[in-house]
Protein backbone atom coordinates (compact mmCIF):
# COMPACT_ATOMS: atom_id res chain seq x y z
CA UNK A 1 139.94 42.58 -53.18
CA UNK A 2 140.77 40.27 -50.23
CA UNK A 3 139.02 36.98 -49.85
CA UNK A 4 137.10 38.29 -46.73
CA UNK A 5 135.81 41.36 -48.56
CA UNK A 6 134.97 39.17 -51.62
CA UNK A 7 132.86 36.93 -49.54
CA UNK A 8 131.14 39.77 -47.73
CA UNK A 9 130.38 41.54 -51.05
CA UNK A 10 129.04 38.37 -52.63
CA UNK A 11 126.94 37.53 -49.69
CA UNK A 12 125.51 40.96 -49.42
CA UNK A 13 124.68 41.04 -53.10
CA UNK A 14 122.96 37.62 -53.12
CA UNK A 15 121.31 38.29 -49.87
CA UNK A 16 119.79 41.47 -51.26
CA UNK A 17 118.61 39.65 -54.32
CA UNK A 18 117.03 36.80 -52.18
CA UNK A 19 115.20 39.50 -50.13
CA UNK A 20 113.85 41.10 -53.35
CA UNK A 21 112.63 37.81 -54.72
CA UNK A 22 111.06 36.74 -51.44
CA UNK A 23 109.27 40.04 -51.30
CA UNK A 24 107.58 38.95 -54.55
CA UNK A 25 106.49 35.69 -53.01
CA UNK A 26 109.33 33.33 -54.19
CA UNK A 27 111.19 31.09 -52.00
CA UNK A 28 114.85 31.14 -52.78
CA UNK A 29 117.26 28.56 -51.63
CA UNK A 30 121.05 28.88 -51.91
CA UNK A 31 122.91 25.80 -50.72
CA UNK A 32 125.81 26.96 -48.56
CA UNK A 33 128.27 24.67 -49.98
CA UNK A 34 127.41 25.80 -53.57
CA UNK A 35 127.51 29.48 -52.48
CA UNK A 36 130.98 28.96 -50.94
CA UNK A 37 132.22 27.14 -54.03
CA UNK A 38 131.13 29.98 -56.20
CA UNK A 39 133.14 32.63 -54.54
CA UNK A 40 136.31 30.85 -53.30
CA UNK A 41 138.50 32.84 -55.56
CA UNK A 42 139.93 33.23 -59.19
CA UNK A 43 139.72 29.52 -59.61
CA UNK A 44 135.95 29.34 -59.40
CA UNK A 45 134.45 28.47 -62.75
CA UNK A 46 131.02 30.02 -62.26
CA UNK A 47 128.75 31.22 -59.68
CA UNK A 48 126.50 28.63 -58.19
CA UNK A 49 122.94 28.54 -59.62
CA UNK A 50 120.05 30.20 -57.70
CA UNK A 51 117.36 27.61 -56.78
CA UNK A 52 114.00 29.00 -57.02
CA UNK A 53 111.35 27.15 -54.89
CA UNK A 54 107.73 27.94 -55.86
CA UNK A 55 105.18 26.68 -53.35
CA UNK A 56 102.33 28.47 -55.08
CA UNK A 57 101.56 30.68 -58.01
CA UNK A 58 101.72 34.41 -57.49
CA UNK A 59 99.24 35.80 -60.11
CA UNK A 60 96.27 37.51 -58.52
CA UNK A 61 92.92 36.37 -59.99
CA UNK A 62 92.67 39.38 -62.29
CA UNK A 63 96.21 38.63 -63.60
CA UNK A 64 95.45 35.17 -64.77
CA UNK A 65 95.41 34.45 -68.38
CA UNK A 66 93.02 32.50 -70.61
CA UNK A 67 92.54 31.65 -74.35
CA UNK A 68 89.63 32.99 -76.29
CA UNK A 69 86.67 30.64 -76.42
CA UNK A 70 87.10 30.16 -80.24
CA UNK A 71 90.03 30.75 -82.63
CA UNK A 72 90.57 34.16 -83.98
CA UNK A 73 92.12 32.57 -87.17
CA UNK A 74 92.14 29.15 -88.67
CA UNK A 75 94.32 28.18 -91.64
CA UNK A 76 93.60 24.86 -93.30
CA UNK A 77 89.77 25.01 -94.07
CA UNK A 78 90.32 26.92 -97.21
CA UNK A 79 90.46 25.05 -100.65
CA UNK A 80 93.84 24.17 -102.17
CA UNK A 81 96.73 21.86 -101.45
CA UNK A 82 98.70 24.69 -99.78
CA UNK A 83 95.97 24.60 -97.01
CA UNK A 84 96.43 21.04 -96.42
CA UNK A 85 98.70 20.05 -93.59
CA UNK A 86 100.21 16.78 -92.42
CA UNK A 87 102.72 16.16 -89.64
CA UNK A 88 103.31 19.84 -88.95
CA UNK A 89 106.67 20.28 -87.30
CA UNK A 90 106.01 23.85 -86.05
CA UNK A 91 104.51 27.20 -86.79
CA UNK A 92 105.28 30.72 -85.81
CA UNK A 93 104.35 34.36 -86.27
CA UNK A 94 107.03 36.60 -87.65
CA UNK A 95 107.64 40.23 -86.60
CA UNK A 96 105.66 41.53 -89.46
CA UNK A 97 102.68 39.34 -88.68
CA UNK A 98 103.13 36.76 -91.34
CA UNK A 99 102.72 33.13 -90.23
CA UNK A 100 105.14 30.41 -91.28
CA UNK A 101 104.13 26.67 -91.14
CA UNK A 102 106.78 23.83 -91.29
CA UNK A 103 104.76 21.07 -92.89
CA UNK A 104 106.46 17.71 -92.37
CA UNK A 105 104.32 15.96 -94.98
CA UNK A 106 105.52 18.10 -97.90
CA UNK A 107 108.91 19.01 -96.39
CA UNK A 108 108.25 22.73 -97.01
CA UNK A 109 107.96 26.07 -95.27
CA UNK A 110 104.71 27.73 -96.12
CA UNK A 111 104.17 31.48 -95.63
CA UNK A 112 100.77 33.06 -95.06
CA UNK A 113 99.79 36.66 -94.41
CA UNK A 114 98.03 37.90 -91.21
CA UNK A 115 94.56 36.90 -92.63
CA UNK A 116 95.68 33.35 -93.30
CA UNK A 117 96.12 33.78 -97.05
CA UNK A 118 98.82 31.59 -98.69
CA UNK A 119 101.83 33.67 -99.93
CA UNK A 120 104.63 31.32 -100.97
CA UNK A 121 106.47 28.16 -100.04
CA UNK A 122 110.14 27.10 -99.95
CA UNK A 123 111.89 23.82 -99.44
CA UNK A 124 110.68 20.49 -100.62
CA UNK A 125 111.93 16.94 -100.36
CA UNK A 126 115.52 16.40 -101.44
CA UNK A 127 119.20 16.69 -100.47
CA UNK A 128 119.94 19.98 -102.21
CA UNK A 129 120.31 23.50 -100.58
CA UNK A 130 117.18 24.57 -98.89
CA UNK A 131 115.53 20.96 -99.25
CA UNK A 132 114.75 18.50 -96.53
CA UNK A 133 115.20 14.69 -96.22
CA UNK A 134 113.01 15.06 -93.14
CA UNK A 135 111.28 18.06 -91.57
CA UNK A 136 110.74 17.32 -87.80
CA UNK A 137 111.84 20.57 -86.08
CA UNK A 138 111.24 24.25 -86.63
CA UNK A 139 112.04 27.34 -84.65
CA UNK A 140 112.55 31.12 -85.24
CA UNK A 141 115.66 33.03 -83.96
CA UNK A 142 115.91 36.72 -83.37
CA UNK A 143 115.73 38.71 -86.55
CA UNK A 144 113.24 36.22 -88.03
CA UNK A 145 115.98 33.66 -89.07
CA UNK A 146 114.16 30.39 -89.57
CA UNK A 147 115.69 27.12 -88.44
CA UNK A 148 114.31 23.89 -89.78
CA UNK A 149 115.33 20.17 -90.18
CA UNK A 150 115.61 16.98 -88.32
CA UNK A 151 117.37 15.70 -85.20
CA UNK A 152 120.84 15.82 -86.99
CA UNK A 153 120.78 18.50 -89.72
CA UNK A 154 119.39 22.04 -89.60
CA UNK A 155 118.92 24.45 -92.50
CA UNK A 156 118.65 28.20 -92.02
CA UNK A 157 116.44 30.77 -93.94
CA UNK A 158 115.64 34.32 -93.84
CA UNK A 159 112.26 35.58 -92.86
CA UNK A 160 111.29 35.74 -96.49
CA UNK A 161 112.31 32.17 -97.11
CA UNK A 162 115.70 32.77 -98.73
CA UNK A 163 118.10 29.86 -98.04
CA UNK A 164 121.17 30.78 -96.04
CA UNK A 165 123.10 27.71 -94.77
CA UNK A 166 123.02 24.18 -93.35
CA UNK A 167 124.64 22.77 -90.28
CA UNK A 168 124.86 19.26 -89.07
CA UNK A 169 125.87 15.75 -90.14
CA UNK A 170 126.17 16.09 -93.90
CA UNK A 171 129.20 13.83 -93.88
CA UNK A 172 128.18 11.58 -90.96
CA UNK A 173 130.43 13.18 -88.42
CA UNK A 174 127.77 13.26 -85.65
CA UNK A 175 127.47 9.51 -85.60
CA UNK A 176 129.92 6.83 -84.47
CA UNK A 177 129.67 3.11 -83.82
CA UNK A 178 128.22 3.76 -80.32
CA UNK A 179 126.46 7.01 -80.22
CA UNK A 180 124.52 9.46 -82.31
CA UNK A 181 124.59 13.17 -81.60
CA UNK A 182 121.23 14.64 -82.02
CA UNK A 183 120.24 18.26 -81.95
CA UNK A 184 118.08 19.40 -79.12
CA UNK A 185 117.79 23.08 -79.83
CA UNK A 186 119.23 25.87 -82.00
CA UNK A 187 120.67 28.80 -80.11
CA UNK A 188 121.24 31.29 -82.97
CA UNK A 189 121.17 31.73 -86.69
CA UNK A 190 124.84 30.79 -87.25
CA UNK A 191 124.77 27.12 -86.29
CA UNK A 192 125.21 27.17 -82.61
CA UNK A 193 123.30 24.31 -81.11
CA UNK A 194 122.71 22.17 -78.00
CA UNK A 195 123.46 18.55 -78.81
CA UNK A 196 123.16 15.28 -76.96
CA UNK A 197 125.26 12.10 -77.55
CA UNK A 198 122.64 9.43 -77.37
CA UNK A 199 123.89 5.92 -77.03
CA UNK A 200 122.88 3.48 -79.66
CA UNK A 201 122.81 0.61 -77.10
CA UNK A 202 122.12 1.91 -73.48
CA UNK A 203 123.65 -0.08 -70.88
CA UNK A 204 121.26 -1.80 -68.30
CA UNK A 205 120.81 -0.16 -64.90
CA UNK A 206 120.61 -1.84 -61.53
CA UNK A 207 117.01 -0.98 -60.75
CA UNK A 208 113.74 -2.19 -62.23
CA UNK A 209 113.26 1.30 -63.78
CA UNK A 210 116.32 3.70 -63.94
CA UNK A 211 117.14 7.09 -65.44
CA UNK A 212 119.66 7.12 -68.24
CA UNK A 213 121.97 10.04 -68.66
CA UNK A 214 123.55 11.46 -71.71
CA UNK A 215 126.39 13.89 -72.50
CA UNK A 216 125.00 17.28 -73.54
CA UNK A 217 127.13 20.03 -74.95
CA UNK A 218 126.94 23.34 -76.90
CA UNK A 219 128.55 23.14 -80.40
CA UNK A 220 129.18 25.60 -83.15
CA UNK A 221 128.38 25.36 -86.88
CA UNK A 222 131.45 23.23 -87.43
CA UNK A 223 130.31 20.71 -84.80
CA UNK A 224 133.10 21.76 -82.47
CA UNK A 225 132.38 21.88 -78.82
CA UNK A 226 132.05 25.34 -77.16
CA UNK A 227 131.20 24.03 -73.76
CA UNK A 228 130.12 20.67 -72.13
CA UNK A 229 127.12 20.81 -69.98
CA UNK A 230 127.82 17.48 -68.47
CA UNK A 231 125.76 14.22 -68.31
CA UNK A 232 122.02 15.18 -68.01
CA UNK A 233 119.11 12.69 -67.37
CA UNK A 234 117.64 11.70 -70.61
CA UNK A 235 114.80 9.10 -70.05
CA UNK A 236 113.54 6.42 -67.86
CA UNK A 237 114.41 2.93 -69.02
CA UNK A 238 113.65 -0.64 -68.03
CA UNK A 239 114.59 -4.15 -69.26
CA UNK A 240 112.40 -5.77 -71.72
CA UNK A 241 113.98 -9.28 -72.05
CA UNK A 242 117.63 -8.43 -72.10
CA UNK A 243 117.33 -5.10 -73.89
CA UNK A 244 116.79 -1.65 -72.16
CA UNK A 245 113.70 0.14 -73.40
CA UNK A 246 111.55 3.05 -72.18
CA UNK A 247 108.35 2.01 -70.19
CA UNK A 248 105.10 3.46 -71.29
CA UNK A 249 104.32 6.84 -69.63
CA UNK A 250 108.09 7.07 -68.75
CA UNK A 251 109.67 10.55 -68.14
CA UNK A 252 111.94 11.82 -70.93
CA UNK A 253 114.21 14.80 -71.38
CA UNK A 254 112.27 18.02 -71.99
CA UNK A 255 113.82 21.22 -73.28
CA UNK A 256 113.35 24.50 -74.94
CA UNK A 257 115.21 27.63 -75.69
CA UNK A 258 114.59 31.27 -76.83
CA UNK A 259 118.20 31.76 -77.97
CA UNK A 260 119.18 33.44 -74.71
CA UNK A 261 118.43 30.66 -72.20
CA UNK A 262 118.25 26.81 -72.48
CA UNK A 263 115.75 25.10 -70.24
CA UNK A 264 116.01 21.35 -69.62
CA UNK A 265 114.49 18.84 -67.14
CA UNK A 266 113.07 15.32 -66.78
CA UNK A 267 109.66 14.72 -65.21
CA UNK A 268 110.87 12.40 -62.50
CA UNK A 269 111.05 15.62 -60.39
CA UNK A 270 109.76 19.12 -60.79
CA UNK A 271 113.11 20.70 -61.37
CA UNK A 272 114.02 22.70 -64.53
CA UNK A 273 117.83 23.55 -65.01
CA UNK A 274 118.38 26.99 -66.83
CA UNK A 275 121.51 27.42 -68.72
CA UNK A 276 122.98 30.56 -70.39
CA UNK A 277 124.13 30.29 -74.02
CA UNK A 278 127.70 30.21 -72.69
CA UNK A 279 126.80 26.97 -70.97
CA UNK A 280 126.65 28.26 -67.47
CA UNK A 281 123.97 26.83 -65.10
CA UNK A 282 122.09 30.06 -64.05
CA UNK A 283 119.13 28.69 -62.25
CA UNK A 284 117.08 25.60 -61.14
CA UNK A 285 113.37 26.21 -61.07
CA UNK A 286 111.24 24.09 -58.75
CA UNK A 287 107.57 24.01 -58.27
CA UNK A 288 105.35 22.36 -55.63
CA UNK A 289 104.38 18.88 -57.06
CA UNK A 290 103.13 15.67 -55.66
CA UNK A 291 103.93 12.45 -57.65
CA UNK A 292 101.00 10.39 -58.78
CA UNK A 293 101.36 6.63 -59.13
CA UNK A 294 100.32 4.85 -62.31
CA UNK A 295 97.53 2.40 -61.41
CA UNK A 296 96.28 -0.74 -62.98
CA UNK A 297 93.16 1.14 -63.93
CA UNK A 298 95.41 3.67 -65.85
CA UNK A 299 97.00 0.95 -67.70
CA UNK A 300 93.75 -0.80 -68.52
CA UNK A 301 92.26 2.49 -69.92
CA UNK A 302 95.35 3.15 -71.96
CA UNK A 303 95.16 -0.40 -73.55
CA UNK A 304 91.45 0.17 -74.37
CA UNK A 305 92.04 3.56 -75.92
CA UNK A 306 95.23 2.59 -77.80
CA UNK A 307 93.33 -0.50 -79.18
CA UNK A 308 90.53 1.68 -80.53
CA UNK A 309 93.02 3.86 -82.50
CA UNK A 310 95.81 1.47 -83.52
CA UNK A 311 94.72 -2.15 -83.43
CA UNK A 312 93.40 -3.05 -86.79
CA UNK A 313 93.09 -6.73 -86.41
CA UNK A 314 89.95 -8.56 -85.08
CA UNK A 315 89.06 -11.41 -82.96
CA UNK A 316 91.81 -13.50 -81.24
CA UNK A 317 94.51 -11.66 -83.03
CA UNK A 318 93.30 -8.33 -81.70
CA UNK A 319 92.98 -9.75 -78.19
CA UNK A 320 96.52 -11.03 -78.38
CA UNK A 321 97.72 -7.49 -79.39
CA UNK A 322 95.93 -6.05 -76.31
CA UNK A 323 97.34 -8.73 -73.93
CA UNK A 324 100.82 -7.95 -75.33
CA UNK A 325 100.41 -4.30 -74.76
CA UNK A 326 99.08 -4.88 -71.28
CA UNK A 327 102.09 -7.00 -70.46
CA UNK A 328 104.53 -4.27 -71.45
CA UNK A 329 106.47 -2.39 -68.75
CA UNK A 330 104.91 0.85 -67.47
CA UNK A 331 106.26 3.76 -65.39
CA UNK A 332 105.66 3.73 -61.71
CA UNK A 333 104.57 7.42 -61.53
CA UNK A 334 103.21 10.04 -63.95
CA UNK A 335 105.87 12.49 -65.04
CA UNK A 336 105.80 16.03 -63.62
CA UNK A 337 105.64 17.63 -67.10
CA UNK A 338 105.91 16.65 -70.78
CA UNK A 339 106.68 19.83 -72.76
CA UNK A 340 108.34 23.24 -72.57
CA UNK A 341 107.76 26.38 -74.57
CA UNK A 342 109.46 29.81 -74.25
CA UNK A 343 107.23 32.54 -75.40
CA UNK A 344 107.97 35.89 -77.13
CA UNK A 345 108.24 37.71 -73.87
CA UNK A 346 110.57 35.38 -72.16
CA UNK A 347 108.16 33.33 -70.04
CA UNK A 348 108.43 29.53 -69.86
CA UNK A 349 105.39 27.47 -70.29
CA UNK A 350 105.43 24.01 -68.86
CA UNK A 351 102.82 21.42 -69.88
CA UNK A 352 101.50 19.09 -67.18
CA UNK A 353 101.74 15.41 -68.11
CA UNK A 354 98.38 13.73 -68.64
CA UNK A 355 97.97 10.02 -69.20
CA UNK A 356 94.82 10.65 -71.20
CA UNK A 357 96.97 12.03 -74.01
CA UNK A 358 99.12 8.79 -74.36
CA UNK A 359 96.79 6.83 -76.77
CA UNK A 360 97.27 9.46 -79.40
CA UNK A 361 100.86 8.43 -80.21
CA UNK A 362 102.08 6.45 -77.19
CA UNK A 363 103.69 9.59 -75.77
CA UNK A 364 102.74 12.46 -73.39
CA UNK A 365 104.13 15.32 -75.52
CA UNK A 366 102.22 15.06 -78.65
CA UNK A 367 98.83 16.68 -79.41
CA UNK A 368 96.72 16.62 -76.18
CA UNK A 369 93.53 14.63 -76.43
CA UNK A 370 92.07 16.43 -73.39
CA UNK A 371 92.41 20.01 -72.33
CA UNK A 372 96.04 20.77 -71.34
CA UNK A 373 97.24 22.67 -68.30
CA UNK A 374 100.38 24.85 -68.57
CA UNK A 375 102.32 26.41 -65.62
CA UNK A 376 103.77 29.79 -66.54
CA UNK A 377 107.12 31.01 -65.19
CA UNK A 378 108.72 34.44 -65.61
CA UNK A 379 112.42 35.04 -66.51
CA UNK A 380 113.29 34.97 -62.75
CA UNK A 381 111.84 31.54 -62.40
CA UNK A 382 108.73 32.70 -60.51
CA UNK A 383 105.64 30.53 -61.03
CA UNK A 384 103.00 33.03 -62.14
CA UNK A 385 99.92 30.73 -62.64
CA UNK A 386 98.43 28.14 -64.78
CA UNK A 387 96.64 28.25 -68.15
CA UNK A 388 94.27 25.79 -69.70
CA UNK A 389 94.22 25.15 -73.38
CA UNK A 390 91.70 23.38 -75.55
CA UNK A 391 91.73 19.66 -76.21
CA UNK A 392 93.35 18.60 -79.59
CA UNK A 393 95.28 21.84 -79.59
CA UNK A 394 99.09 21.96 -79.30
CA UNK A 395 100.62 25.39 -78.85
CA UNK A 396 103.77 26.12 -80.92
CA UNK A 397 104.27 29.88 -80.60
CA UNK A 398 103.01 32.02 -77.72
CA UNK A 399 103.21 35.95 -77.78
CA UNK A 400 101.97 38.58 -75.37
CA UNK A 401 98.51 38.44 -76.59
CA UNK A 402 98.19 35.27 -78.79
CA UNK A 403 98.75 31.49 -78.79
CA UNK A 404 99.48 29.94 -82.23
CA UNK A 405 99.46 26.26 -82.76
CA UNK A 406 98.14 23.22 -84.51
CA UNK A 407 94.60 21.84 -83.98
CA UNK A 408 93.54 18.34 -84.87
CA UNK A 409 89.88 17.14 -85.44
CA UNK A 410 88.42 13.65 -84.69
CA UNK A 411 89.79 12.39 -88.04
CA UNK A 412 93.32 13.64 -87.13
CA UNK A 413 93.15 16.33 -89.77
CA UNK A 414 95.51 19.20 -88.86
CA UNK A 415 94.83 22.94 -89.11
CA UNK A 416 96.65 25.98 -87.85
CA UNK A 417 94.80 27.96 -85.21
CA UNK A 418 95.44 31.30 -83.41
CA UNK A 419 93.79 32.08 -80.19
CA UNK A 420 93.74 35.42 -78.36
CA UNK A 421 95.42 35.44 -75.08
CA UNK A 422 93.71 37.56 -72.53
CA UNK A 423 93.52 38.29 -68.75
CA UNK A 424 90.50 37.15 -66.78
CA UNK A 425 89.93 40.85 -66.19
CA UNK A 426 89.43 41.33 -69.99
CA UNK A 427 91.91 42.29 -72.66
CA UNK A 428 95.37 41.07 -73.52
């Protein structure tokens, strides 16, 4: 095909796709320079990403979703140590309805039936096959392959709990004198992962607050690079004395995957990059968003609430701790988002950052202390609408008609809760 015909065919194809998406209420922007770069011939590496601009949600009122008023199932109120949870790393519903809980306190995977009755447990603390030194992450791949571990090493199990394999830094190859490669997400059941090379000593920037970037790549089970995604923004940093450190409320890299697509962004802007498992940038999802400045009143409230939870001293010592916290660096604006989840039907759920959640653990992506608001996007990047979830509930697994997650009471005791997900018109 001649270059002229190639350009004409590509333009016609993308133009028709743009019209289809615009007809559904989505603004699509294709920068001309990127478009030309994507079709200039056999030397082009990949087609330019489609940028999806969402000025408003497209759900009609009757299409909007809500959670049931009370949980349909709670696990953790029954007697017995297998119903006691601490530092849950994740939970998910398997294809046959069983529920798996990755309990970080016991370093174990616990299996429950659909009614919440304990079935069996695997794992435990240790360095042997199927054991965990730390249990900080958990996900389920297609075919009910379970992936669990920490930021450097992942273990793989069948849906029944049989140990399969382990991939990661067993011999320290993921750490050097200057960087440590950490796992962001698993992409399949054979060890393919997205990893980031985090500097052990970040270099200072030129601004009061700057965004640090880190190399991100896709690696296989042998830690060999499949494709580099380039330097991606990782977190806001500022100088505290002579050392870089994150400011309180600062934006950090947020990411998720369903095994088919990898979503990543940082809340300094409402822009989410969508990569294929081959490492090609497919889309950039944008949503209407107005930055909100962090005020002195916000900081004062944080110091008060943090002090209630974490300052154990009294008198002048406690006051000194509060003054020290108040004198720490803080972000200038509230991040656009703090957490991503890809549900079982391919929708992306994006949690709105809320400063009221920070006193819980000093971060914006841990258990919400107030009701959380999630923007829902379909596979095409269209903003469907927003869903509000209860305070002290953190979703971990979302299906077509349920939301499964961890709930925390006023004493910070964790339980596992399942809510029905239904439309405002009634029914799932």
